[in-house]
Protein backbone atom coordinates (compact mmCIF):
# COMPACT_ATOMS: atom_id res chain seq x y z
CA UNK A 1 -147.70 -200.91 -21.06
CA UNK A 2 -148.79 -200.39 -24.33
CA UNK A 3 -152.14 -198.98 -25.26
CA UNK A 4 -154.51 -200.78 -27.52
CA UNK A 5 -154.86 -199.83 -31.07
CA UNK A 6 -158.50 -198.22 -30.37
CA UNK A 7 -156.82 -195.86 -27.93
CA UNK A 8 -153.99 -194.93 -30.34
CA UNK A 9 -156.36 -194.00 -33.22
CA UNK A 10 -158.70 -191.90 -30.93
CA UNK A 11 -155.48 -190.09 -29.76
CA UNK A 12 -154.43 -189.53 -33.21
CA UNK A 13 -157.70 -188.20 -34.05
CA UNK A 14 -157.35 -185.76 -31.07
CA UNK A 15 -154.25 -184.62 -32.25
CA UNK A 16 -155.33 -184.22 -35.79
CA UNK A 17 -157.85 -181.85 -34.51
CA UNK A 18 -155.48 -179.88 -32.60
CA UNK A 19 -153.13 -179.30 -35.51
CA UNK A 20 -153.31 -175.68 -36.70
CA UNK A 21 -154.96 -175.25 -40.13
CA UNK A 22 -151.88 -174.03 -41.68
CA UNK A 23 -149.80 -177.14 -40.65
CA UNK A 24 -152.84 -179.36 -41.95
CA UNK A 25 -152.65 -177.79 -45.31
CA UNK A 26 -148.71 -177.66 -45.48
CA UNK A 27 -147.40 -178.87 -48.80
CA UNK A 28 -146.11 -182.32 -48.96
CA UNK A 29 -144.06 -181.96 -52.05
CA UNK A 30 -142.74 -179.26 -54.35
CA UNK A 31 -145.80 -179.75 -56.83
CA UNK A 32 -148.26 -178.52 -54.20
CA UNK A 33 -145.94 -175.73 -53.02
CA UNK A 34 -147.59 -172.23 -54.26
CA UNK A 35 -145.91 -169.14 -55.33
CA UNK A 36 -142.16 -170.27 -56.24
CA UNK A 37 -142.07 -171.59 -60.00
CA UNK A 38 -138.89 -170.20 -60.57
CA UNK A 39 -137.15 -172.02 -57.40
CA UNK A 40 -138.98 -175.13 -57.78
CA UNK A 41 -138.91 -175.69 -61.61
CA UNK A 42 -137.50 -178.76 -62.91
CA UNK A 43 -133.92 -177.80 -63.88
CA UNK A 44 -133.60 -175.45 -60.63
CA UNK A 45 -130.58 -176.27 -58.43
CA UNK A 46 -133.09 -176.95 -55.48
CA UNK A 47 -135.24 -179.12 -57.16
CA UNK A 48 -132.29 -181.20 -58.60
CA UNK A 49 -131.01 -181.55 -54.79
CA UNK A 50 -134.26 -182.84 -53.66
CA UNK A 51 -134.72 -185.04 -56.65
CA UNK A 52 -131.11 -186.70 -56.54
CA UNK A 53 -130.77 -186.52 -52.75
CA UNK A 54 -127.31 -184.73 -53.42
CA UNK A 55 -127.61 -181.67 -50.83
CA UNK A 56 -125.21 -178.97 -50.21
CA UNK A 57 -125.55 -176.18 -47.55
CA UNK A 58 -127.79 -173.36 -48.55
CA UNK A 59 -130.13 -170.46 -46.95
CA UNK A 60 -133.86 -170.04 -47.68
CA UNK A 61 -134.27 -166.19 -47.52
CA UNK A 62 -137.81 -164.76 -47.72
CA UNK A 63 -140.65 -163.19 -46.31
CA UNK A 64 -143.08 -164.86 -43.60
CA UNK A 65 -145.43 -167.42 -44.97
CA UNK A 66 -143.51 -167.90 -48.57
CA UNK A 67 -142.68 -171.51 -48.11
CA UNK A 68 -139.24 -171.81 -46.42
CA UNK A 69 -140.31 -174.17 -43.50
CA UNK A 70 -142.30 -176.12 -45.80
CA UNK A 71 -139.30 -177.08 -48.16
CA UNK A 72 -137.53 -178.12 -44.97
CA UNK A 73 -140.27 -180.43 -44.41
CA UNK A 74 -140.47 -181.72 -47.80
CA UNK A 75 -136.55 -182.33 -47.93
CA UNK A 76 -137.05 -184.21 -44.31
CA UNK A 77 -139.74 -186.44 -45.92
CA UNK A 78 -137.71 -187.27 -49.05
CA UNK A 79 -133.96 -187.35 -47.84
CA UNK A 80 -132.08 -190.30 -46.82
CA UNK A 81 -129.95 -188.24 -44.45
CA UNK A 82 -130.45 -187.68 -40.84
CA UNK A 83 -132.53 -184.69 -40.39
CA UNK A 84 -132.33 -182.39 -37.29
CA UNK A 85 -134.79 -179.35 -37.05
CA UNK A 86 -133.74 -176.33 -34.93
CA UNK A 87 -135.55 -173.01 -34.32
CA UNK A 88 -133.11 -170.32 -33.34
CA UNK A 89 -135.90 -168.93 -31.25
CA UNK A 90 -136.40 -171.98 -29.05
CA UNK A 91 -132.89 -173.40 -29.11
CA UNK A 92 -129.80 -172.22 -27.51
CA UNK A 93 -126.29 -172.46 -28.92
CA UNK A 94 -125.28 -175.36 -26.39
CA UNK A 95 -128.19 -177.55 -27.85
CA UNK A 96 -126.78 -176.68 -31.29
CA UNK A 97 -123.30 -177.72 -30.44
CA UNK A 98 -124.38 -181.09 -28.76
CA UNK A 99 -126.23 -181.91 -31.96
CA UNK A 100 -123.38 -180.96 -34.20
CA UNK A 101 -120.95 -183.01 -32.05
CA UNK A 102 -123.26 -185.94 -32.37
CA UNK A 103 -123.36 -185.23 -36.00
CA UNK A 104 -119.49 -185.30 -36.27
CA UNK A 105 -119.36 -188.59 -34.34
CA UNK A 106 -121.69 -190.03 -36.83
CA UNK A 107 -119.78 -188.81 -39.86
CA UNK A 108 -116.41 -189.74 -38.43
CA UNK A 109 -117.41 -193.28 -37.39
CA UNK A 110 -120.24 -194.53 -39.92
CA UNK A 111 -119.64 -191.85 -42.87
CA UNK A 112 -122.99 -190.29 -42.16
CA UNK A 113 -124.00 -186.92 -42.90
CA UNK A 114 -126.65 -185.06 -41.20
CA UNK A 115 -128.88 -182.29 -42.32
CA UNK A 116 -129.44 -179.55 -39.76
CA UNK A 117 -132.11 -177.05 -40.52
CA UNK A 118 -132.22 -174.07 -38.66
CA UNK A 119 -135.35 -171.76 -38.69
CA UNK A 120 -134.74 -168.13 -38.16
CA UNK A 121 -131.04 -168.56 -38.48
CA UNK A 122 -130.69 -164.74 -38.20
CA UNK A 123 -131.33 -165.01 -34.35
CA UNK A 124 -128.05 -166.51 -33.79
CA UNK A 125 -125.54 -163.87 -33.36
CA UNK A 126 -122.49 -163.87 -35.38
CA UNK A 127 -120.20 -165.33 -32.80
CA UNK A 128 -122.70 -168.12 -32.41
CA UNK A 129 -122.63 -168.57 -36.23
CA UNK A 130 -119.21 -169.30 -36.12
CA UNK A 131 -119.84 -172.74 -34.27
CA UNK A 132 -121.30 -174.14 -37.46
CA UNK A 133 -118.10 -173.38 -39.45
CA UNK A 134 -116.19 -176.52 -38.81
CA UNK A 135 -118.92 -179.11 -39.09
CA UNK A 136 -119.70 -177.55 -42.59
CA UNK A 137 -116.45 -177.50 -43.72
CA UNK A 138 -115.70 -181.13 -42.55
CA UNK A 139 -119.09 -182.19 -44.24
CA UNK A 140 -120.48 -183.54 -40.96
CA UNK A 141 -123.65 -181.33 -41.52
CA UNK A 142 -125.53 -179.88 -44.45
CA UNK A 143 -126.66 -176.63 -43.06
CA UNK A 144 -130.14 -175.29 -44.26
CA UNK A 145 -131.32 -171.95 -42.90
CA UNK A 146 -134.21 -170.19 -43.06
CA UNK A 147 -134.41 -166.43 -42.40
CA UNK A 148 -136.75 -163.33 -43.03
CA UNK A 149 -133.57 -160.93 -42.97
CA UNK A 150 -131.05 -160.40 -45.80
CA UNK A 151 -128.30 -163.06 -45.21
CA UNK A 152 -125.70 -160.51 -46.40
CA UNK A 153 -126.30 -158.61 -43.12
CA UNK A 154 -127.39 -161.58 -40.78
CA UNK A 155 -125.29 -164.39 -41.78
CA UNK A 156 -121.42 -164.40 -41.14
CA UNK A 157 -119.59 -163.90 -44.41
CA UNK A 158 -117.54 -167.28 -43.72
CA UNK A 159 -120.67 -169.19 -43.27
CA UNK A 160 -122.65 -167.16 -46.33
CA UNK A 161 -119.65 -168.31 -48.72
CA UNK A 162 -120.30 -171.86 -48.02
CA UNK A 163 -123.99 -171.67 -48.62
CA UNK A 164 -126.02 -171.17 -51.86
CA UNK A 165 -128.84 -168.57 -51.21
CA UNK A 166 -132.37 -169.42 -52.60
CA UNK A 167 -134.71 -166.40 -52.58
CA UNK A 168 -138.50 -166.78 -51.91
CA UNK A 169 -140.86 -164.31 -52.94
CA UNK A 170 -144.09 -163.04 -51.29
CA UNK A 171 -147.19 -165.24 -52.47
CA UNK A 172 -149.46 -163.78 -55.38
CA UNK A 173 -153.07 -162.93 -54.40
CA UNK A 174 -153.99 -165.51 -57.16
CA UNK A 175 -151.82 -168.26 -55.00
CA UNK A 176 -153.34 -166.76 -51.66
CA UNK A 177 -156.99 -167.27 -53.10
CA UNK A 178 -156.19 -171.05 -54.12
CA UNK A 179 -154.85 -171.64 -50.60
CA UNK A 180 -157.83 -170.29 -48.93
CA UNK A 181 -160.12 -172.07 -50.93
CA UNK A 182 -158.42 -175.16 -49.56
CA UNK A 183 -158.70 -173.91 -46.48
CA UNK A 184 -162.70 -173.22 -46.78
CA UNK A 185 -162.93 -176.72 -47.96
CA UNK A 186 -160.90 -178.32 -44.97
CA UNK A 187 -163.23 -176.31 -42.45
CA UNK A 188 -166.41 -176.97 -44.61
CA UNK A 189 -167.10 -173.37 -44.92
CA UNK A 190 -169.66 -171.75 -47.50
CA UNK A 191 -167.29 -170.13 -50.11
CA UNK A 192 -167.73 -166.37 -50.85
CA UNK A 193 -165.38 -165.06 -53.54
CA UNK A 194 -165.53 -161.57 -52.28
CA UNK A 195 -164.30 -162.76 -48.85
CA UNK A 196 -161.45 -165.08 -50.15
CA UNK A 197 -160.42 -162.08 -52.53
CA UNK A 198 -160.18 -159.60 -49.70
CA UNK A 199 -158.31 -161.91 -47.24
CA UNK A 200 -155.92 -162.75 -50.25
CA UNK A 201 -155.28 -159.02 -50.76
CA UNK A 202 -154.98 -158.17 -46.95
CA UNK A 203 -152.61 -161.13 -46.06
CA UNK A 204 -149.30 -159.49 -47.29
CA UNK A 205 -148.25 -162.61 -49.46
CA UNK A 206 -148.37 -164.61 -46.39
CA UNK A 207 -150.02 -168.14 -46.62
CA UNK A 208 -149.72 -168.81 -43.14
CA UNK A 209 -151.28 -165.50 -42.06
CA UNK A 210 -153.88 -165.91 -44.66
CA UNK A 211 -154.76 -169.39 -43.00
CA UNK A 212 -154.40 -168.28 -39.40
CA UNK A 213 -156.96 -165.39 -39.91
CA UNK A 214 -159.33 -167.82 -41.76
CA UNK A 215 -158.97 -170.33 -38.99
CA UNK A 216 -159.43 -167.34 -36.48
CA UNK A 217 -162.93 -166.14 -37.97
CA UNK A 218 -164.26 -169.63 -38.89
CA UNK A 219 -167.23 -169.27 -36.38
CA UNK A 220 -167.87 -165.68 -37.68
CA UNK A 221 -168.21 -167.21 -41.30
CA UNK A 222 -170.30 -170.02 -39.81
CA UNK A 223 -172.80 -167.60 -38.79
CA UNK A 224 -172.25 -164.80 -41.49
CA UNK A 225 -171.08 -166.71 -44.76
CA UNK A 226 -171.37 -163.89 -46.86
CA UNK A 227 -170.66 -160.78 -44.72
CA UNK A 228 -169.78 -157.08 -45.63
CA UNK A 229 -166.16 -156.61 -46.12
CA UNK A 230 -166.20 -153.85 -43.78
CA UNK A 231 -167.93 -156.12 -40.96
CA UNK A 232 -165.17 -158.67 -41.89
CA UNK A 233 -162.40 -156.19 -41.28
CA UNK A 234 -163.76 -155.13 -38.08
CA UNK A 235 -163.74 -158.59 -37.03
CA UNK A 236 -160.20 -159.08 -38.01
CA UNK A 237 -159.20 -155.69 -36.54
CA UNK A 238 -156.58 -153.49 -37.95
CA UNK A 239 -154.03 -155.36 -39.75
CA UNK A 240 -150.50 -155.10 -38.95
CA UNK A 241 -148.48 -153.32 -41.64
CA UNK A 242 -145.65 -155.09 -43.04
CA UNK A 243 -142.49 -152.93 -42.00
CA UNK A 244 -139.60 -153.54 -39.81
CA UNK A 245 -137.92 -150.40 -38.61
CA UNK A 246 -134.60 -151.97 -38.27
CA UNK A 247 -134.04 -154.22 -41.24
CA UNK A 248 -134.11 -154.40 -44.94
CA UNK A 249 -137.65 -153.48 -45.35
CA UNK A 250 -136.87 -150.23 -43.76
CA UNK A 251 -133.88 -149.36 -46.15
CA UNK A 252 -136.20 -150.80 -49.22
CA UNK A 253 -138.84 -148.24 -48.39
CA UNK A 254 -136.63 -145.16 -47.82
CA UNK A 255 -134.85 -146.21 -51.01
CA UNK A 256 -138.25 -146.11 -53.09
CA UNK A 257 -139.35 -142.84 -51.50
CA UNK A 258 -135.93 -141.33 -52.62
CA UNK A 259 -135.99 -142.59 -55.89
CA UNK A 260 -139.59 -141.71 -56.48
CA UNK A 261 -138.51 -138.03 -55.72
CA UNK A 262 -135.44 -138.24 -57.83
CA UNK A 263 -137.51 -139.57 -60.66
CA UNK A 264 -140.11 -136.54 -60.11
CA UNK A 265 -143.19 -138.86 -59.52
CA UNK A 266 -145.21 -136.93 -56.55
CA UNK A 267 -147.72 -139.57 -56.55
CA UNK A 268 -145.45 -142.53 -55.94
CA UNK A 269 -143.46 -140.40 -53.69
CA UNK A 270 -146.67 -139.69 -51.74
CA UNK A 271 -147.44 -143.53 -51.43
CA UNK A 272 -144.07 -144.46 -50.12
CA UNK A 273 -144.09 -141.81 -47.57
CA UNK A 274 -147.69 -142.98 -46.29
CA UNK A 275 -146.25 -146.42 -46.34
CA UNK A 276 -143.31 -145.50 -44.03
CA UNK A 277 -145.34 -143.04 -41.61
CA UNK A 278 -148.44 -145.38 -41.34
CA UNK A 279 -146.40 -148.17 -40.27
CA UNK A 280 -144.62 -146.33 -37.49
CA UNK A 281 -141.39 -144.87 -38.85
CA UNK A 282 -139.91 -142.17 -36.80
CA UNK A 283 -140.69 -139.18 -39.00
CA UNK A 284 -137.62 -137.54 -37.85
CA UNK A 285 -135.61 -140.28 -39.86
CA UNK A 286 -137.96 -139.51 -43.00
CA UNK A 287 -137.34 -135.63 -42.66
CA UNK A 288 -133.58 -135.91 -42.21
CA UNK A 289 -133.46 -138.01 -45.47
CA UNK A 290 -135.78 -135.25 -47.14
CA UNK A 291 -133.14 -132.60 -46.20
CA UNK A 292 -130.46 -134.77 -47.71
CA UNK A 293 -132.48 -135.28 -50.80
CA UNK A 294 -132.81 -131.49 -51.12
CA UNK A 295 -128.94 -130.98 -51.35
CA UNK A 296 -128.11 -134.10 -53.15
CA UNK A 297 -130.79 -134.20 -55.75
CA UNK A 298 -131.81 -130.46 -56.25
CA UNK A 299 -129.05 -128.41 -54.86
CA UNK A 300 -129.01 -125.04 -56.50
CA UNK A 301 -131.26 -125.75 -59.29
CA UNK A 302 -133.92 -124.74 -56.67
CA UNK A 303 -132.24 -123.48 -53.48
CA UNK A 304 -135.96 -123.12 -51.87
CA UNK A 305 -136.00 -126.96 -51.76
CA UNK A 306 -133.62 -127.17 -48.71
CA UNK A 307 -135.78 -124.12 -47.06
CA UNK A 308 -139.04 -126.32 -47.58
CA UNK A 309 -137.27 -129.68 -46.10
CA UNK A 310 -136.18 -127.68 -43.23
CA UNK A 311 -139.76 -125.84 -42.76
CA UNK A 312 -140.97 -129.65 -42.37
CA UNK A 313 -138.75 -130.58 -40.02
CA UNK A 314 -139.64 -127.38 -37.96
CA UNK A 315 -143.25 -128.18 -38.42
CA UNK A 316 -142.74 -131.51 -37.10
CA UNK A 317 -140.83 -130.60 -34.32
CA UNK A 318 -143.22 -127.90 -33.39
CA UNK A 319 -146.66 -129.88 -33.59
CA UNK A 320 -145.50 -133.45 -33.83
CA UNK A 321 -147.46 -136.45 -35.37
CA UNK A 322 -149.94 -137.09 -36.85
CA UNK A 323 -150.79 -133.52 -37.61
CA UNK A 324 -147.23 -132.97 -39.17
CA UNK A 325 -147.86 -135.64 -42.03
CA UNK A 326 -149.45 -132.83 -44.10
CA UNK A 327 -146.26 -130.71 -43.79
CA UNK A 328 -144.26 -133.93 -44.54
CA UNK A 329 -146.46 -134.68 -47.56
CA UNK A 330 -146.20 -130.89 -48.64
CA UNK A 331 -142.12 -131.35 -48.67
CA UNK A 332 -142.34 -134.50 -50.64
CA UNK A 333 -144.40 -133.00 -53.43
CA UNK A 334 -142.48 -129.98 -53.63
CA UNK A 335 -138.91 -131.92 -53.58
CA UNK A 336 -140.63 -134.00 -56.09
CA UNK A 337 -141.63 -131.68 -58.57
CA UNK A 338 -138.62 -129.32 -58.20
CA UNK A 339 -136.01 -129.25 -60.97
CA UNK A 340 -133.36 -131.83 -60.56
CA UNK A 341 -129.62 -131.22 -60.29
CA UNK A 342 -126.68 -133.44 -58.65
CA UNK A 343 -124.02 -130.95 -59.76
CA UNK A 344 -123.69 -129.93 -55.97
CA UNK A 345 -123.38 -133.33 -55.00
CA UNK A 346 -120.92 -134.59 -57.71
CA UNK A 347 -119.00 -131.19 -56.88
CA UNK A 348 -118.56 -131.70 -53.15
CA UNK A 349 -117.40 -135.55 -53.81
CA UNK A 350 -114.84 -134.30 -56.26
CA UNK A 351 -113.65 -131.72 -53.99
CA UNK A 352 -113.32 -134.25 -50.96
CA UNK A 353 -111.51 -136.48 -52.93
CA UNK A 354 -108.64 -133.79 -53.53
CA UNK A 355 -109.08 -132.45 -50.18
CA UNK A 356 -108.04 -135.96 -48.82
CA UNK A 357 -105.20 -136.19 -51.20
CA UNK A 358 -103.74 -132.67 -50.80
CA UNK A 359 -104.52 -132.05 -46.90
CA UNK A 360 -100.54 -131.32 -46.44
CA UNK A 361 -100.68 -128.12 -49.09
CA UNK A 362 -100.62 -124.91 -47.36
CA UNK A 363 -102.83 -122.02 -47.96
CA UNK A 364 -101.56 -119.48 -50.44
CA UNK A 365 -99.74 -116.43 -48.45
CA UNK A 366 -101.84 -113.82 -50.20
CA UNK A 367 -105.19 -115.26 -48.76
CA UNK A 368 -103.78 -115.92 -45.18
CA UNK A 369 -105.33 -113.85 -42.49
CA UNK A 370 -102.48 -111.61 -40.90
CA UNK A 371 -103.58 -110.23 -37.51
CA UNK A 372 -99.97 -109.92 -36.18
CA UNK A 373 -96.85 -108.12 -37.22
CA UNK A 374 -94.86 -111.38 -37.27
CA UNK A 375 -97.40 -112.90 -39.71
CA UNK A 376 -97.35 -109.66 -41.85
CA UNK A 377 -93.57 -109.82 -41.83
CA UNK A 378 -93.63 -113.22 -43.06
CA UNK A 379 -95.75 -112.04 -46.11
CA UNK A 380 -99.20 -113.29 -44.89
CA UNK A 381 -101.75 -111.55 -46.67
CA UNK A 382 -99.13 -109.69 -48.95
CA UNK A 383 -100.65 -108.69 -52.26
CA UNK A 384 -104.38 -109.69 -51.66
CA UNK A 385 -106.74 -107.66 -53.68
CA UNK A 386 -109.99 -106.57 -51.94
CA UNK A 387 -112.61 -107.33 -54.64
CA UNK A 388 -114.94 -104.76 -53.53
CA UNK A 389 -112.34 -101.97 -54.64
CA UNK A 390 -112.59 -103.10 -58.23
CA UNK A 391 -114.96 -102.65 -61.19
CA UNK A 392 -117.62 -105.24 -61.00
CA UNK A 393 -116.78 -105.90 -57.41
CA UNK A 394 -114.24 -108.73 -58.80
CA UNK A 395 -110.53 -109.27 -59.23
CA UNK A 396 -109.07 -112.30 -60.26
CA UNK A 397 -106.53 -114.14 -57.89
CA UNK A 398 -105.75 -117.66 -57.54
CA UNK A 399 -107.39 -119.32 -54.32
CA UNK A 400 -106.17 -122.98 -54.75
CA UNK A 401 -102.97 -124.17 -52.97
CA UNK A 402 -99.99 -123.36 -55.26
CA UNK A 403 -99.07 -126.87 -55.94
CA UNK A 404 -102.60 -127.52 -57.07
CA UNK A 405 -104.07 -126.37 -60.36
CA UNK A 406 -107.34 -124.68 -60.43
CA UNK A 407 -110.30 -127.07 -60.73
CA UNK A 408 -113.74 -127.12 -61.93
CA UNK A 409 -115.84 -129.03 -59.39
CA UNK A 410 -119.01 -127.46 -59.84
CA UNK A 411 -120.53 -127.47 -63.17
CA UNK A 412 -124.46 -125.96 -63.14
CA UNK A 413 -126.96 -127.82 -64.37
CA UNK A 414 -129.30 -126.51 -67.20
CA UNK A 415 -132.71 -126.20 -65.13
CA UNK A 416 -133.93 -123.94 -62.32
CA UNK A 417 -131.90 -121.44 -60.67
CA UNK A 418 -128.67 -123.01 -61.91
CA UNK A 419 -129.16 -121.46 -65.21
CA UNK A 420 -128.58 -118.16 -63.58
CA UNK A 421 -125.76 -119.52 -61.69
CA UNK A 422 -124.24 -120.80 -65.12
CA UNK A 423 -124.61 -117.31 -66.62
CA UNK A 424 -122.86 -115.71 -63.55
CA UNK A 425 -119.90 -118.23 -63.68
CA UNK A 426 -119.37 -117.52 -67.48
CA UNK A 427 -119.57 -113.71 -66.97
CA UNK A 428 -116.98 -114.07 -64.19
CA UNK A 429 -114.79 -116.24 -66.59
CA UNK A 430 -114.85 -113.59 -69.29
CA UNK A 431 -113.62 -111.05 -66.95
CA UNK A 432 -110.87 -113.22 -65.84
CA UNK A 433 -109.74 -113.98 -69.11
CA UNK A 434 -109.44 -110.36 -69.77
């Protein structure tokens, strides 16, 4: 039995009140979408798809709250195709397969294509993603995937090659202020620009987070329309830092730390160190990278750099965190301000390449060990010169394999201790030439 219209309107009002603020304020068209001007410009590929209704499979890749799901909603409202919305968190691959088979039937019998939107597509593993391929290739479905993770790592190559990747950026503070202004108006709250500015700065470019937090503290703001920021911060409690220890942001931040130290910027290096440690990164991972850096980017320009990095490791293992944070900071500053050289790094890389190519070359007889009579009879160690018996503790001998010409892998840099090493090498070369 049908309800009368007054019941329907009453039910609709209740549902409207229950809709989260972020959903109420979700943009309904591209003009309302904030923060993605390049992506949705009039001549962009995405805008052309939406305008013409001619779609090709694509992936929306961007941080939380940047507009990926909103774009899918806009397409759903405007596209003439069947639109199917799936969340990889809530749906199993069996559900998706059933829908794809139905889409395939519609395509074969009626020539209709379906748009399949999969939110958080990276939650499907690689074997599960294989199930999409036949339907994407046949044209039965147009796949739209949304992900916060780098699709290069999370989407199988065969599927990724059939999809264009659209990259969304975190929203700017200016965009978030505009969105929060709309939120204040929707909730009929008294506007405080300091509060809006603080919330915009502390929502990490995430519009959904900003609106969810506003909804969370609306009662507090009704009673305290112009609170102290410190009081507001306590109300929201300590915010979660934007970091993922196992995915792309993890590698982005360690790259930023490494490059800041290489670029001799101790201030930026300290910042990136703090970003990682305060977000809960395993400090042992950080110190391992510092030890690597000491040899890769400083090497013998300052041999003490490796000592400092290892000392930071020892301090960390001995006293633990958070006390060891200062030891790690000390090492980071030392490494950032040390003279730089990649001579050691490039020397080993060149030697390793030759070693792989010539591993079958034997050790020259004169520098082989000869602990037995048989080995001595085979001329092991014959004609070897013991350098300590000669002037300057040096006697030139060829130490490379007989089939391999002498190489100059290591070329000292011009800074720090390597200047002294260069003088020594030049002196030995002069003795050799005699």
